[in-house]
Amino acid sequence: MFAVYAESFSSDDPLSGLVVGERPDPTAPEGWTTVTVKAASLNHHDVWSLRGVGLREDALPMILGCDAAGLDEDGNEVVVHAVVSDPDWTGDETFDPKRSLLSERHQGTFADRVIVPKRNVVPKPASLSFEEAACLPTAWLTAYRMLFTRGGLRAGDTVLVQGAGGGVATACIILGRAAGLRVLATSRDETKRARALEIGAHDVLESGARLPVKVDAVMETVGRATWSHSIRSLRPGGSLVISGTTSGPKLDDAELTRIFFLQLSVVGSTMGTRDELASLVGLLDATGAKPLIDRTVSMEQAAEAFGAMVDGEVFGKIVMTR
């Protein structure tokens, strides 16, 4: 079958290990199902895999891709949940120490077909296209969990989203607005600030700028470059929810004094559960909110899609179709 896969690693030139070609058809073991992929979206995780982060060399060649929407074996339209937990695990699968994402231990979604545990498919509503639904399982699910599960935000609360433009950040803006939050967003780029307003932010500011109000929570995916600003933007008792560190994990100043004196909470968040994915799909279906797609290309154009992500020329999600 057709597939987009990693053949080798390179930290300096990740695209050198990307191959568009043929791989063997998958065979679903007992308890698993085969999904015919109609659309799949790109994540930074896929680029990191080509750099050799989170993917072992003995697992190569590995079909890339965590996210997909398509048809199950009965022809039902479904969204694929990317977190594969241990069969014996019960409860929140993001806490399973044996969990993995598709394309780490199990072949990924950038292919004609992908096999997943039967419990890893969620019905896709007719209100979402395959391209829109393919945006949800990683970035949008991460945003949903950050805002509502780990952040505990409710209608009327105020949230700051750092780094408007990335997949998680744009999802936080759209979901926050749909759920009745007051949304502030930052970006270094004037064009991205304007786009953030278009997709639902109530106010946008340059990175590091003083906010007009202190916020109930900050959604943080940038890390070192915005950390101090995030802490200083919170009201007493507020929460910083972090799911990524795109500017680097090390801090010059963790703002510890401010954290304890103002009784702030720093909360980690990663991915989301199958139930949260179903709730996210339900929220979008009920509100009419839609994932923001930067561009749609065919899987044959995977190198172009990966190149855009490496260069940072993205606002929203890149989707590849079959």
Protein backbone atom coordinates (compact mmCIF):
# COMPACT_ATOMS: atom_id res chain seq x y z
CA MET A 1 0.00 0.00 0.00
CA PHE A 2 1.00 3.65 -0.38
CA ALA A 3 2.71 5.16 2.71
CA VAL A 4 4.84 8.04 3.96
CA TYR A 5 7.52 6.70 6.28
CA ALA A 6 10.79 7.31 8.07
CA GLU A 7 13.68 5.30 6.71
CA SER A 8 16.48 6.98 8.69
CA PHE A 9 17.15 9.75 11.21
CA SER A 10 18.95 13.08 10.90
CA SER A 11 18.90 15.83 13.52
CA ASP A 12 20.29 18.38 11.04
CA ASP A 13 18.31 17.40 7.94
CA PRO A 14 15.19 15.51 9.09
CA LEU A 15 13.60 15.45 5.64
CA SER A 16 16.48 13.35 4.31
CA GLY A 17 14.98 10.29 6.01
CA LEU A 18 11.45 10.81 4.65
CA VAL A 19 10.26 8.35 2.01
CA VAL A 20 7.09 8.39 -0.08
CA GLY A 21 6.56 4.88 -1.38
CA GLU A 22 5.11 1.45 -0.71
CA ARG A 23 4.83 -0.57 2.50
CA PRO A 24 3.20 -3.95 3.22
CA ASP A 25 -0.52 -4.01 3.90
CA PRO A 26 -1.25 -4.19 7.66
CA THR A 27 -3.02 -7.17 9.23
CA ALA A 28 -5.22 -6.41 12.21
CA PRO A 29 -4.75 -8.76 15.18
CA GLU A 30 -7.64 -9.79 17.41
CA GLY A 31 -9.24 -6.77 19.06
CA TRP A 32 -7.92 -4.38 16.40
CA THR A 33 -9.56 -2.94 13.31
CA THR A 34 -8.40 -1.59 9.96
CA VAL A 35 -9.27 2.02 9.09
CA THR A 36 -9.12 3.21 5.49
CA VAL A 37 -7.51 6.64 5.75
CA LYS A 38 -9.23 9.53 4.00
CA ALA A 39 -7.27 12.35 5.64
CA ALA A 40 -4.41 12.70 8.12
CA SER A 41 -2.84 15.78 9.68
CA LEU A 42 0.77 16.65 10.36
CA ASN A 43 2.21 17.32 13.83
CA HIS A 44 5.59 18.44 15.16
CA HIS A 45 5.81 14.90 16.53
CA ASP A 46 6.30 13.67 12.96
CA VAL A 47 9.27 15.98 12.42
CA TRP A 48 10.79 14.98 15.76
CA SER A 49 10.44 11.33 14.72
CA LEU A 50 12.59 12.06 11.64
CA ARG A 51 15.16 13.57 14.01
CA GLY A 52 15.18 10.31 15.99
CA VAL A 53 13.33 11.65 19.04
CA GLY A 54 10.87 9.16 20.56
CA LEU A 55 11.46 6.61 17.80
CA ARG A 56 13.98 3.76 18.04
CA GLU A 57 16.20 2.93 15.11
CA ASP A 58 15.23 -0.75 15.34
CA ALA A 59 11.60 0.29 14.67
CA LEU A 60 12.49 1.63 11.21
CA PRO A 61 11.03 1.80 8.66
CA MET A 62 8.11 3.44 10.48
CA ILE A 63 5.02 4.88 8.80
CA LEU A 64 4.60 8.37 10.27
CA GLY A 65 1.42 10.11 11.40
CA CYS A 66 -0.63 10.14 14.59
CA ASP A 67 -3.90 11.63 13.33
CA ALA A 68 -6.44 10.28 10.87
CA ALA A 69 -10.08 10.17 9.89
CA GLY A 70 -11.53 7.58 7.57
CA LEU A 71 -13.76 4.53 7.25
CA ASP A 72 -13.81 1.53 9.56
CA GLU A 73 -14.30 -2.04 8.31
CA ASP A 74 -18.09 -1.56 8.27
CA GLY A 75 -17.89 1.67 6.27
CA ASN A 76 -18.60 3.95 9.25
CA GLU A 77 -16.96 7.38 9.26
CA VAL A 78 -14.58 7.53 12.22
CA VAL A 79 -11.84 9.55 13.90
CA VAL A 80 -8.78 7.64 15.10
CA HIS A 81 -7.57 8.14 18.69
CA ALA A 82 -3.76 8.25 18.58
CA VAL A 83 -2.94 7.02 22.10
CA VAL A 84 -2.48 3.24 22.24
CA SER A 85 -2.67 2.02 25.83
CA ASP A 86 -1.94 -1.39 27.31
CA PRO A 87 -4.91 -3.76 26.78
CA ASP A 88 -5.13 -4.33 30.55
CA TRP A 89 -5.05 -0.62 31.45
CA THR A 90 -8.22 0.91 32.87
CA GLY A 91 -8.97 4.57 33.49
CA ASP A 92 -7.23 7.58 31.97
CA GLU A 93 -4.96 6.11 29.31
CA THR A 94 -2.67 9.17 29.31
CA PHE A 95 -1.37 7.91 32.68
CA ASP A 96 -0.57 4.42 31.38
CA PRO A 97 3.25 4.07 31.63
CA LYS A 98 3.14 1.64 28.69
CA ARG A 99 1.16 3.95 26.39
CA SER A 100 2.51 5.12 23.06
CA LEU A 101 1.39 7.22 20.13
CA LEU A 102 0.78 5.79 16.71
CA SER A 103 4.07 5.92 14.73
CA GLU A 104 6.18 5.17 17.83
CA ARG A 105 5.67 1.41 18.36
CA HIS A 106 2.80 0.90 15.94
CA GLN A 107 2.73 1.99 12.29
CA GLY A 108 1.18 5.41 11.77
CA THR A 109 -1.59 7.03 9.75
CA PHE A 110 0.17 8.44 6.66
CA ALA A 111 -0.90 5.50 4.52
CA ASP A 112 -3.83 3.96 2.69
CA ARG A 113 -4.73 1.99 5.82
CA VAL A 114 -3.88 1.94 9.52
CA ILE A 115 -4.66 -0.66 12.16
CA VAL A 116 -5.70 0.41 15.67
CA PRO A 117 -7.40 -1.16 18.69
CA LYS A 118 -11.18 -1.21 18.14
CA ARG A 119 -11.62 1.03 21.20
CA ASN A 120 -9.49 3.68 19.43
CA VAL A 121 -12.13 4.77 16.93
CA VAL A 122 -14.71 7.48 17.63
CA PRO A 123 -17.70 8.17 15.36
CA LYS A 124 -17.24 11.19 13.06
CA PRO A 125 -20.30 13.43 12.75
CA ALA A 126 -21.51 14.52 9.34
CA SER A 127 -20.90 18.15 10.35
CA LEU A 128 -17.13 17.60 10.12
CA SER A 129 -15.32 16.78 6.89
CA PHE A 130 -12.64 14.09 6.89
CA GLU A 131 -10.03 16.86 6.60
CA GLU A 132 -11.43 18.71 9.64
CA ALA A 133 -11.81 15.54 11.70
CA ALA A 134 -8.21 14.54 10.94
CA CYS A 135 -7.03 17.65 12.83
CA LEU A 136 -8.50 16.52 16.13
CA PRO A 137 -6.66 13.52 17.67
CA THR A 138 -3.39 15.25 18.68
CA ALA A 139 -3.34 19.07 18.64
CA TRP A 140 -7.04 19.66 19.17
CA LEU A 141 -7.41 16.93 21.78
CA THR A 142 -4.36 18.33 23.58
CA ALA A 143 -6.00 21.78 23.58
CA TYR A 144 -9.32 20.41 24.83
CA ARG A 145 -7.67 18.62 27.77
CA MET A 146 -5.55 21.69 28.60
CA LEU A 147 -8.52 24.03 28.73
CA PHE A 148 -11.25 21.95 30.32
CA THR A 149 -9.76 18.92 32.08
CA ARG A 150 -6.41 20.12 33.42
CA GLY A 151 -7.24 23.84 33.33
CA GLY A 152 -10.77 23.43 34.68
CA LEU A 153 -11.95 26.53 32.80
CA ARG A 154 -15.62 27.44 32.54
CA ALA A 155 -17.68 29.93 30.55
CA GLY A 156 -16.81 33.47 31.63
CA ASP A 157 -13.21 32.71 32.60
CA THR A 158 -10.31 34.54 30.95
CA VAL A 159 -7.48 32.63 29.28
CA LEU A 160 -4.19 33.67 27.67
CA VAL A 161 -2.95 31.56 24.75
CA GLN A 162 0.78 31.97 24.09
CA GLY A 163 2.22 31.65 20.59
CA ALA A 164 -0.80 31.99 18.31
CA GLY A 165 -0.26 30.12 15.08
CA GLY A 166 0.68 26.61 16.16
CA GLY A 167 -1.83 23.77 15.98
CA VAL A 168 -2.47 23.57 19.74
CA ALA A 169 -2.60 27.35 20.17
CA THR A 170 -5.09 27.90 17.36
CA ALA A 171 -7.22 25.06 18.73
CA CYS A 172 -7.17 26.70 22.19
CA ILE A 173 -8.38 29.99 20.69
CA ILE A 174 -11.24 28.45 18.72
CA LEU A 175 -12.33 26.03 21.45
CA GLY A 176 -12.05 28.69 24.16
CA ARG A 177 -14.25 31.10 22.20
CA ALA A 178 -16.78 28.35 21.42
CA ALA A 179 -17.00 27.46 25.12
CA GLY A 180 -17.63 31.02 26.27
CA LEU A 181 -14.17 31.95 27.52
CA ARG A 182 -12.62 35.39 27.10
CA VAL A 183 -9.55 34.64 24.97
CA LEU A 184 -6.35 36.69 24.81
CA ALA A 185 -3.52 35.60 22.52
CA THR A 186 0.08 36.58 21.81
CA SER A 187 2.43 36.28 18.86
CA ARG A 188 5.66 37.90 17.69
CA ASP A 189 4.20 38.04 14.18
CA GLU A 190 1.75 40.79 13.22
CA THR A 191 0.06 38.64 10.59
CA LYS A 192 -0.51 35.83 13.07
CA ARG A 193 -1.96 38.28 15.58
CA ALA A 194 -4.45 39.44 12.96
CA ARG A 195 -5.36 35.85 12.14
CA ALA A 196 -5.85 35.09 15.86
CA LEU A 197 -8.49 37.84 15.99
CA GLU A 198 -10.18 36.40 12.92
CA ILE A 199 -10.54 32.93 14.47
CA GLY A 200 -11.96 34.12 17.79
CA ALA A 201 -9.47 35.83 20.09
CA HIS A 202 -11.02 38.81 21.87
CA ASP A 203 -7.67 40.62 22.10
CA VAL A 204 -4.16 40.01 20.76
CA LEU A 205 -0.82 41.36 21.90
CA GLU A 206 2.83 41.16 21.01
CA SER A 207 4.73 38.47 22.86
CA GLY A 208 5.71 39.74 26.30
CA ALA A 209 3.34 42.73 26.26
CA ARG A 210 1.50 43.75 29.42
CA LEU A 211 -2.05 42.38 29.46
CA PRO A 212 -5.09 44.59 30.09
CA VAL A 213 -6.23 42.13 32.81
CA LYS A 214 -4.80 39.28 34.84
CA VAL A 215 -6.06 35.94 33.54
CA ASP A 216 -7.47 32.83 35.18
CA ALA A 217 -5.20 30.52 33.19
CA VAL A 218 -2.44 30.50 30.59
CA MET A 219 -2.13 27.85 27.89
CA GLU A 220 1.61 27.41 27.42
CA THR A 221 3.27 25.46 24.60
CA VAL A 222 6.30 27.69 23.96
CA GLY A 223 8.31 27.22 27.15
CA ARG A 224 11.42 29.26 27.93
CA ALA A 225 10.65 32.25 25.67
CA THR A 226 7.25 32.98 27.23
CA TRP A 227 7.44 31.38 30.70
CA SER A 228 8.07 34.51 32.76
CA HIS A 229 5.37 36.42 30.89
CA SER A 230 2.93 33.55 31.48
CA ILE A 231 3.56 33.52 35.22
CA ARG A 232 3.29 37.29 35.50
CA SER A 233 0.01 37.32 33.55
CA LEU A 234 -1.86 35.15 36.05
CA ARG A 235 -4.22 36.38 38.76
CA PRO A 236 -3.53 35.14 42.31
CA GLY A 237 -4.53 31.48 42.42
CA GLY A 238 -4.40 31.14 38.64
CA SER A 239 -3.06 28.20 36.64
CA LEU A 240 -0.42 27.76 33.98
CA VAL A 241 -1.14 24.66 31.88
CA ILE A 242 1.83 23.46 29.84
CA SER A 243 1.89 20.84 27.10
CA GLY A 244 5.04 21.74 25.17
CA THR A 245 8.35 23.61 25.15
CA THR A 246 8.99 24.55 21.53
CA SER A 247 11.51 27.25 22.53
CA GLY A 248 13.44 24.90 24.81
CA PRO A 249 12.92 23.19 28.17
CA LYS A 250 15.51 25.04 30.27
CA LEU A 251 14.60 28.21 32.21
CA ASP A 252 16.82 31.06 33.30
CA ASP A 253 14.27 32.03 35.96
CA ALA A 254 11.37 29.77 36.94
CA GLU A 255 9.63 32.61 38.84
CA LEU A 256 9.41 30.38 41.93
CA THR A 257 8.90 33.26 44.35
CA ARG A 258 5.93 34.58 42.39
CA ILE A 259 4.49 31.06 42.07
CA PHE A 260 4.41 30.37 45.80
CA PHE A 261 3.55 33.90 46.94
CA LEU A 262 0.55 34.15 44.58
CA GLN A 263 -0.35 30.48 45.10
CA LEU A 264 -0.20 29.75 41.39
CA SER A 265 -0.59 26.27 39.93
CA VAL A 266 1.69 24.86 37.24
CA VAL A 267 -0.08 21.95 35.58
CA GLY A 268 1.30 19.52 33.05
CA SER A 269 -0.94 18.15 30.30
CA THR A 270 -0.39 15.67 27.51
CA MET A 271 -2.71 14.40 24.77
CA GLY A 272 -6.14 13.22 25.96
CA THR A 273 -8.41 10.24 26.47
CA ARG A 274 -10.84 8.52 24.13
CA ASP A 275 -13.73 9.95 26.15
CA GLU A 276 -12.26 13.45 25.81
CA LEU A 277 -11.91 12.96 22.06
CA ALA A 278 -15.58 12.00 21.90
CA SER A 279 -16.47 15.08 23.99
CA LEU A 280 -14.37 17.30 21.71
CA VAL A 281 -16.14 15.92 18.63
CA GLY A 282 -19.47 16.53 20.37
CA LEU A 283 -18.54 20.12 21.23
CA LEU A 284 -17.64 20.92 17.64
CA ASP A 285 -20.76 19.23 16.33
CA ALA A 286 -22.98 21.18 18.75
CA THR A 287 -21.36 24.61 18.34
CA GLY A 288 -20.42 24.53 14.68
CA ALA A 289 -16.82 25.44 15.50
CA LYS A 290 -14.32 24.09 12.96
CA PRO A 291 -10.63 23.21 13.07
CA LEU A 292 -8.42 25.73 11.28
CA ILE A 293 -6.67 24.19 8.28
CA ASP A 294 -3.58 25.98 6.96
CA ARG A 295 -3.45 23.92 3.78
CA THR A 296 -4.51 20.59 2.31
CA VAL A 297 -2.18 18.55 0.10
CA SER A 298 -2.10 14.97 -1.14
CA MET A 299 0.08 12.47 0.69
CA GLU A 300 2.24 12.31 -2.44
CA GLN A 301 3.24 15.90 -1.54
CA ALA A 302 4.37 14.93 1.96
CA ALA A 303 7.84 16.47 1.53
CA GLU A 304 6.24 19.86 0.83
CA ALA A 305 4.03 19.55 3.91
CA PHE A 306 6.94 18.55 6.18
CA GLY A 307 9.07 21.36 4.76
CA ALA A 308 6.44 23.95 5.64
CA MET A 309 6.29 22.68 9.21
CA VAL A 310 10.08 22.69 9.58
CA ASP A 311 10.20 26.28 8.27
CA GLY A 312 7.38 27.41 10.61
CA GLU A 313 5.27 28.63 7.69
CA VAL A 314 2.04 27.39 9.23
CA PHE A 315 -1.07 28.85 10.86
CA GLY A 316 -3.36 26.00 11.89
CA LYS A 317 -3.08 22.43 10.69
CA ILE A 318 -1.55 20.89 7.57
CA VAL A 319 -3.75 18.07 6.28
CA MET A 320 -2.80 15.35 3.81
CA THR A 321 -5.47 13.46 1.90
CA ARG A 322 -5.80 10.16 0.03
